């Protein structure tokens, strides 16, 4: 986790320059909920999203962002991983920041 925080600082300095912070969604495994882990995350000023309760009739790909991404993928045909990666990066870049901020709360609404 400390290595991840350092890598984010080096590779994504925009998190430091703006008021944005890392938003982390992880499962509720005991190791993730341990006091030391929580205290360490607090020193990073990371925002921890509450984990959505498991529902057998709702798979993670059904969530808002994944559904929209899946619809966008339907018409695509890729010949390499690099093409997939470029298409995905372009798709993400084409979205306004507000698009992602609106999609995060929808995780908890499901």
N, C-alpha and C. Protein backbone atom coordinates (compact mmCIF):
# COMPACT_ATOMS: atom_id res chain seq x y z
N UNK A 1 0.82 -1.18 0.00
CA UNK A 1 0.00 0.00 0.00
C UNK A 1 0.87 1.25 0.00
N UNK A 2 1.94 1.20 0.75
CA UNK A 2 2.86 2.34 0.77
C UNK A 2 3.51 2.51 -0.60
N UNK A 3 3.87 1.38 -1.22
CA UNK A 3 4.45 1.43 -2.57
C UNK A 3 3.44 2.00 -3.57
N UNK A 4 2.18 1.61 -3.43
CA UNK A 4 1.14 2.12 -4.32
C UNK A 4 1.00 3.63 -4.17
N UNK A 5 0.99 4.11 -2.94
CA UNK A 5 0.87 5.54 -2.71
C UNK A 5 2.04 6.29 -3.33
N UNK A 6 3.24 5.76 -3.18
CA UNK A 6 4.43 6.39 -3.77
C UNK A 6 4.35 6.39 -5.29
N UNK A 7 3.92 5.26 -5.87
CA UNK A 7 3.80 5.17 -7.33
C UNK A 7 2.77 6.17 -7.85
N UNK A 8 1.66 6.34 -7.12
CA UNK A 8 0.65 7.32 -7.53
C UNK A 8 1.21 8.73 -7.51
N UNK A 9 2.00 9.04 -6.51
CA UNK A 9 2.61 10.37 -6.43
C UNK A 9 3.53 10.62 -7.62
N UNK A 10 4.28 9.58 -7.99
CA UNK A 10 5.24 9.74 -9.08
C UNK A 10 4.56 9.75 -10.45
N UNK A 11 3.59 8.85 -10.64
CA UNK A 11 3.00 8.68 -11.97
C UNK A 11 1.75 9.52 -12.20
N UNK A 12 1.09 9.93 -11.14
CA UNK A 12 -0.13 10.73 -11.26
C UNK A 12 -0.05 11.96 -10.34
N UNK A 13 0.85 12.89 -10.62
CA UNK A 13 1.01 14.05 -9.74
C UNK A 13 -0.23 14.93 -9.65
N UNK A 14 -1.16 14.75 -10.58
CA UNK A 14 -2.38 15.57 -10.53
C UNK A 14 -3.17 15.33 -9.24
N UNK A 15 -2.99 14.16 -8.62
CA UNK A 15 -3.67 13.90 -7.36
C UNK A 15 -3.13 14.80 -6.26
N UNK A 16 -1.88 15.19 -6.35
CA UNK A 16 -1.27 16.07 -5.36
C UNK A 16 -1.58 17.53 -5.66
N UNK A 17 -1.59 17.89 -6.95
CA UNK A 17 -1.74 19.28 -7.34
C UNK A 17 -3.16 19.80 -7.15
N UNK A 18 -4.13 18.92 -7.33
CA UNK A 18 -5.53 19.31 -7.18
C UNK A 18 -6.05 18.78 -5.85
N UNK A 19 -7.26 19.10 -5.54
CA UNK A 19 -7.84 18.63 -4.29
C UNK A 19 -8.30 17.18 -4.39
N UNK A 20 -8.11 16.57 -5.55
CA UNK A 20 -8.55 15.19 -5.74
C UNK A 20 -7.73 14.26 -4.87
N UNK A 21 -8.34 13.19 -4.49
CA UNK A 21 -7.62 12.19 -3.73
C UNK A 21 -7.95 10.82 -4.30
N UNK A 22 -7.19 9.87 -3.90
CA UNK A 22 -7.41 8.50 -4.35
C UNK A 22 -8.70 8.00 -3.72
N UNK A 23 -9.53 7.38 -4.52
CA UNK A 23 -10.76 6.76 -4.03
C UNK A 23 -10.57 5.26 -4.18
N UNK A 24 -10.61 4.57 -3.07
CA UNK A 24 -10.29 3.15 -3.05
C UNK A 24 -11.54 2.33 -2.73
N UNK A 25 -11.76 1.31 -3.53
CA UNK A 25 -12.83 0.35 -3.27
C UNK A 25 -12.17 -1.00 -3.11
N UNK A 26 -12.30 -1.59 -1.94
CA UNK A 26 -11.73 -2.91 -1.71
C UNK A 26 -12.73 -3.75 -0.94
N UNK A 27 -12.46 -5.04 -0.89
CA UNK A 27 -13.38 -5.90 -0.16
C UNK A 27 -13.17 -5.71 1.34
N UNK A 28 -13.97 -6.35 2.13
CA UNK A 28 -13.90 -6.18 3.58
C UNK A 28 -13.13 -7.31 4.24
N UNK A 29 -12.11 -7.80 3.57
CA UNK A 29 -11.27 -8.85 4.15
C UNK A 29 -10.66 -8.33 5.45
N UNK A 30 -10.48 -9.20 6.43
CA UNK A 30 -9.91 -8.76 7.72
C UNK A 30 -8.60 -8.00 7.57
N UNK A 31 -7.76 -8.42 6.64
CA UNK A 31 -6.48 -7.71 6.46
C UNK A 31 -6.68 -6.29 5.95
N UNK A 32 -7.75 -6.05 5.20
CA UNK A 32 -8.03 -4.71 4.69
C UNK A 32 -8.70 -3.83 5.74
N UNK A 33 -9.35 -4.45 6.70
CA UNK A 33 -10.08 -3.70 7.72
C UNK A 33 -9.27 -3.56 9.01
N UNK A 34 -8.05 -4.07 9.04
CA UNK A 34 -7.22 -4.01 10.24
C UNK A 34 -6.92 -2.56 10.61
N UNK A 35 -6.74 -2.32 11.90
CA UNK A 35 -6.51 -0.98 12.40
C UNK A 35 -5.28 -0.33 11.75
N UNK A 36 -4.20 -1.07 11.63
CA UNK A 36 -2.97 -0.53 11.03
C UNK A 36 -3.20 -0.12 9.58
N UNK A 37 -3.94 -0.92 8.85
CA UNK A 37 -4.24 -0.59 7.45
C UNK A 37 -5.08 0.68 7.37
N UNK A 38 -6.10 0.77 8.21
CA UNK A 38 -6.95 1.97 8.21
C UNK A 38 -6.14 3.22 8.57
N UNK A 39 -5.28 3.10 9.57
CA UNK A 39 -4.47 4.25 9.98
C UNK A 39 -3.52 4.68 8.86
N UNK A 40 -2.94 3.70 8.18
CA UNK A 40 -2.03 4.02 7.07
C UNK A 40 -2.79 4.73 5.96
N UNK A 41 -3.98 4.24 5.63
CA UNK A 41 -4.77 4.88 4.58
C UNK A 41 -5.17 6.29 4.98
N UNK A 42 -5.43 6.51 6.27
CA UNK A 42 -5.76 7.85 6.74
C UNK A 42 -4.59 8.82 6.52
N UNK A 43 -3.36 8.34 6.69
CA UNK A 43 -2.21 9.23 6.48
C UNK A 43 -2.07 9.61 5.01
N UNK A 44 -2.60 8.78 4.12
CA UNK A 44 -2.56 9.08 2.69
C UNK A 44 -3.71 9.97 2.26
N UNK A 45 -4.68 10.19 3.12
CA UNK A 45 -5.90 10.94 2.80
C UNK A 45 -6.68 10.29 1.67
N UNK A 46 -6.68 8.98 1.64
CA UNK A 46 -7.46 8.24 0.66
C UNK A 46 -8.90 8.19 1.12
N UNK A 47 -9.81 8.23 0.19
CA UNK A 47 -11.22 8.04 0.50
C UNK A 47 -11.57 6.58 0.26
N UNK A 48 -12.16 5.96 1.26
CA UNK A 48 -12.51 4.55 1.14
C UNK A 48 -14.01 4.46 0.89
N UNK A 49 -14.38 3.84 -0.22
CA UNK A 49 -15.79 3.63 -0.52
C UNK A 49 -16.30 2.42 0.24
N UNK A 50 -17.51 2.51 0.70
CA UNK A 50 -18.09 1.35 1.36
C UNK A 50 -18.31 0.27 0.32
N UNK A 51 -18.06 -0.94 0.73
CA UNK A 51 -18.17 -2.06 -0.19
C UNK A 51 -19.63 -2.40 -0.40
N UNK A 52 -20.02 -2.54 -1.64
CA UNK A 52 -21.40 -2.87 -1.97
C UNK A 52 -21.68 -4.30 -1.53
N UNK A 53 -22.80 -4.50 -0.91
CA UNK A 53 -23.16 -5.84 -0.47
C UNK A 53 -23.29 -6.77 -1.67
N UNK A 54 -22.89 -8.01 -1.46
CA UNK A 54 -22.96 -8.98 -2.54
C UNK A 54 -24.41 -9.35 -2.82
N UNK A 55 -24.72 -9.42 -4.07
CA UNK A 55 -26.04 -9.87 -4.48
C UNK A 55 -25.85 -10.85 -5.62
N UNK A 56 -26.34 -12.08 -5.48
CA UNK A 56 -26.11 -13.07 -6.53
C UNK A 56 -26.77 -12.70 -7.86
N UNK A 57 -27.76 -11.82 -7.84
CA UNK A 57 -28.42 -11.44 -9.09
C UNK A 57 -27.82 -10.17 -9.70
N UNK A 58 -26.77 -9.63 -9.09
CA UNK A 58 -26.15 -8.42 -9.59
C UNK A 58 -24.64 -8.61 -9.64
N UNK A 59 -24.13 -8.89 -10.78
CA UNK A 59 -22.69 -9.07 -10.96
C UNK A 59 -22.03 -7.70 -11.12
N UNK A 60 -20.77 -7.54 -10.70
CA UNK A 60 -20.09 -6.24 -10.85
C UNK A 60 -20.17 -5.65 -12.26
N UNK A 61 -20.12 -6.45 -13.32
CA UNK A 61 -20.23 -5.83 -14.66
C UNK A 61 -21.57 -5.15 -14.91
N UNK A 62 -22.57 -5.40 -14.06
CA UNK A 62 -23.87 -4.76 -14.23
C UNK A 62 -23.87 -3.32 -13.75
N UNK A 63 -22.83 -2.89 -13.06
CA UNK A 63 -22.80 -1.54 -12.54
C UNK A 63 -22.74 -0.53 -13.68
N UNK A 64 -23.16 0.66 -13.39
CA UNK A 64 -23.31 1.77 -14.33
C UNK A 64 -22.15 1.90 -15.32
N UNK A 65 -20.95 2.10 -14.80
CA UNK A 65 -19.81 2.35 -15.67
C UNK A 65 -19.51 1.15 -16.57
N UNK A 66 -19.56 -0.06 -16.01
CA UNK A 66 -19.25 -1.25 -16.79
C UNK A 66 -20.31 -1.50 -17.86
N UNK A 67 -21.55 -1.19 -17.55
CA UNK A 67 -22.62 -1.37 -18.54
C UNK A 67 -22.40 -0.43 -19.73
N UNK A 68 -22.08 0.83 -19.45
CA UNK A 68 -21.82 1.78 -20.53
C UNK A 68 -20.59 1.39 -21.35
N UNK A 69 -19.57 0.95 -20.66
CA UNK A 69 -18.36 0.51 -21.35
C UNK A 69 -18.66 -0.71 -22.21
N UNK A 70 -19.45 -1.63 -21.68
CA UNK A 70 -19.82 -2.82 -22.44
C UNK A 70 -20.59 -2.49 -23.71
N UNK A 71 -21.51 -1.54 -23.61
CA UNK A 71 -22.26 -1.11 -24.80
C UNK A 71 -21.33 -0.49 -25.84
N UNK A 72 -20.35 0.27 -25.38
CA UNK A 72 -19.41 0.89 -26.31
C UNK A 72 -18.52 -0.15 -26.99
N UNK A 73 -18.25 -1.24 -26.30
CA UNK A 73 -17.40 -2.31 -26.85
C UNK A 73 -18.08 -3.12 -27.95
N UNK A 74 -19.40 -3.14 -27.96
CA UNK A 74 -20.15 -4.03 -28.86
C UNK A 74 -19.74 -3.88 -30.32
N UNK A 75 -19.56 -2.67 -30.77
CA UNK A 75 -19.27 -2.43 -32.18
C UNK A 75 -17.78 -2.53 -32.52
N UNK A 76 -16.96 -2.89 -31.56
CA UNK A 76 -15.51 -2.86 -31.77
C UNK A 76 -14.97 -4.22 -32.19
N UNK A 77 -13.87 -4.19 -32.91
CA UNK A 77 -13.14 -5.40 -33.30
C UNK A 77 -11.66 -5.08 -33.16
N UNK A 78 -10.98 -5.80 -32.29
CA UNK A 78 -9.58 -5.51 -32.00
C UNK A 78 -8.68 -6.63 -32.49
N UNK A 79 -7.49 -6.27 -32.92
CA UNK A 79 -6.54 -7.27 -33.40
C UNK A 79 -5.36 -7.45 -32.45
N UNK A 80 -5.28 -6.59 -31.43
CA UNK A 80 -4.17 -6.71 -30.48
C UNK A 80 -4.56 -6.06 -29.15
N UNK A 81 -3.81 -6.42 -28.13
CA UNK A 81 -4.01 -5.81 -26.82
C UNK A 81 -3.77 -4.31 -26.89
N UNK A 82 -2.78 -3.90 -27.65
CA UNK A 82 -2.46 -2.48 -27.78
C UNK A 82 -3.64 -1.70 -28.35
N UNK A 83 -4.35 -2.30 -29.32
CA UNK A 83 -5.53 -1.65 -29.88
C UNK A 83 -6.64 -1.52 -28.84
N UNK A 84 -6.81 -2.55 -28.04
CA UNK A 84 -7.82 -2.50 -26.96
C UNK A 84 -7.46 -1.40 -25.99
N UNK A 85 -6.21 -1.38 -25.58
CA UNK A 85 -5.75 -0.39 -24.60
C UNK A 85 -5.92 1.03 -25.14
N UNK A 86 -5.55 1.26 -26.40
CA UNK A 86 -5.69 2.59 -26.99
C UNK A 86 -7.17 2.98 -27.06
N UNK A 87 -8.03 2.05 -27.49
CA UNK A 87 -9.45 2.35 -27.57
C UNK A 87 -9.99 2.70 -26.19
N UNK A 88 -9.62 1.91 -25.18
CA UNK A 88 -10.09 2.17 -23.82
C UNK A 88 -9.60 3.53 -23.33
N UNK A 89 -8.32 3.82 -23.50
CA UNK A 89 -7.77 5.11 -23.08
C UNK A 89 -8.49 6.27 -23.77
N UNK A 90 -8.76 6.11 -25.07
CA UNK A 90 -9.49 7.15 -25.81
C UNK A 90 -10.92 7.30 -25.29
N UNK A 91 -11.56 6.17 -24.98
CA UNK A 91 -12.93 6.20 -24.47
C UNK A 91 -12.97 6.94 -23.13
N UNK A 92 -12.05 6.62 -22.24
CA UNK A 92 -11.99 7.29 -20.94
C UNK A 92 -11.71 8.78 -21.13
N UNK A 93 -10.76 9.11 -22.00
CA UNK A 93 -10.41 10.51 -22.24
C UNK A 93 -11.56 11.30 -22.85
N UNK A 94 -12.45 10.63 -23.56
CA UNK A 94 -13.57 11.33 -24.20
C UNK A 94 -14.67 11.71 -23.20
N UNK A 95 -14.60 11.16 -22.01
CA UNK A 95 -15.63 11.44 -21.00
C UNK A 95 -15.23 12.64 -20.16
N UNK A 96 -16.21 13.47 -19.86
CA UNK A 96 -15.98 14.59 -18.95
C UNK A 96 -15.76 14.06 -17.54
N UNK A 97 -15.05 14.82 -16.73
CA UNK A 97 -14.78 14.41 -15.36
C UNK A 97 -16.08 14.15 -14.60
N UNK A 98 -17.09 14.94 -14.85
CA UNK A 98 -18.37 14.79 -14.17
C UNK A 98 -18.99 13.42 -14.43
N UNK A 99 -18.75 12.85 -15.58
CA UNK A 99 -19.26 11.52 -15.91
C UNK A 99 -18.82 10.50 -14.86
N UNK A 100 -17.55 10.55 -14.49
CA UNK A 100 -17.04 9.59 -13.51
C UNK A 100 -17.52 9.91 -12.11
N UNK A 101 -17.61 11.19 -11.78
CA UNK A 101 -18.10 11.57 -10.45
C UNK A 101 -19.57 11.15 -10.28
N UNK A 102 -20.33 11.17 -11.35
CA UNK A 102 -21.73 10.74 -11.27
C UNK A 102 -21.84 9.23 -11.16
N UNK A 103 -20.90 8.51 -11.75
CA UNK A 103 -21.01 7.05 -11.75
C UNK A 103 -20.61 6.42 -10.43
N UNK A 104 -19.73 7.05 -9.66
CA UNK A 104 -19.27 6.45 -8.40
C UNK A 104 -20.41 6.26 -7.41
N UNK A 105 -21.26 7.27 -7.15
CA UNK A 105 -22.36 7.05 -6.20
C UNK A 105 -23.35 5.97 -6.66
N UNK A 106 -23.44 5.75 -7.96
CA UNK A 106 -24.36 4.74 -8.47
C UNK A 106 -23.96 3.34 -8.03
N UNK A 107 -22.70 3.13 -7.65
CA UNK A 107 -22.29 1.82 -7.13
C UNK A 107 -23.07 1.49 -5.86
N UNK A 108 -23.17 2.46 -4.96
CA UNK A 108 -23.87 2.22 -3.70
C UNK A 108 -25.38 2.14 -3.90
N UNK A 109 -25.91 2.81 -4.92
CA UNK A 109 -27.35 2.78 -5.16
C UNK A 109 -27.84 1.42 -5.62
N UNK A 110 -26.95 0.62 -6.22
CA UNK A 110 -27.35 -0.68 -6.73
C UNK A 110 -27.54 -1.60 -5.56
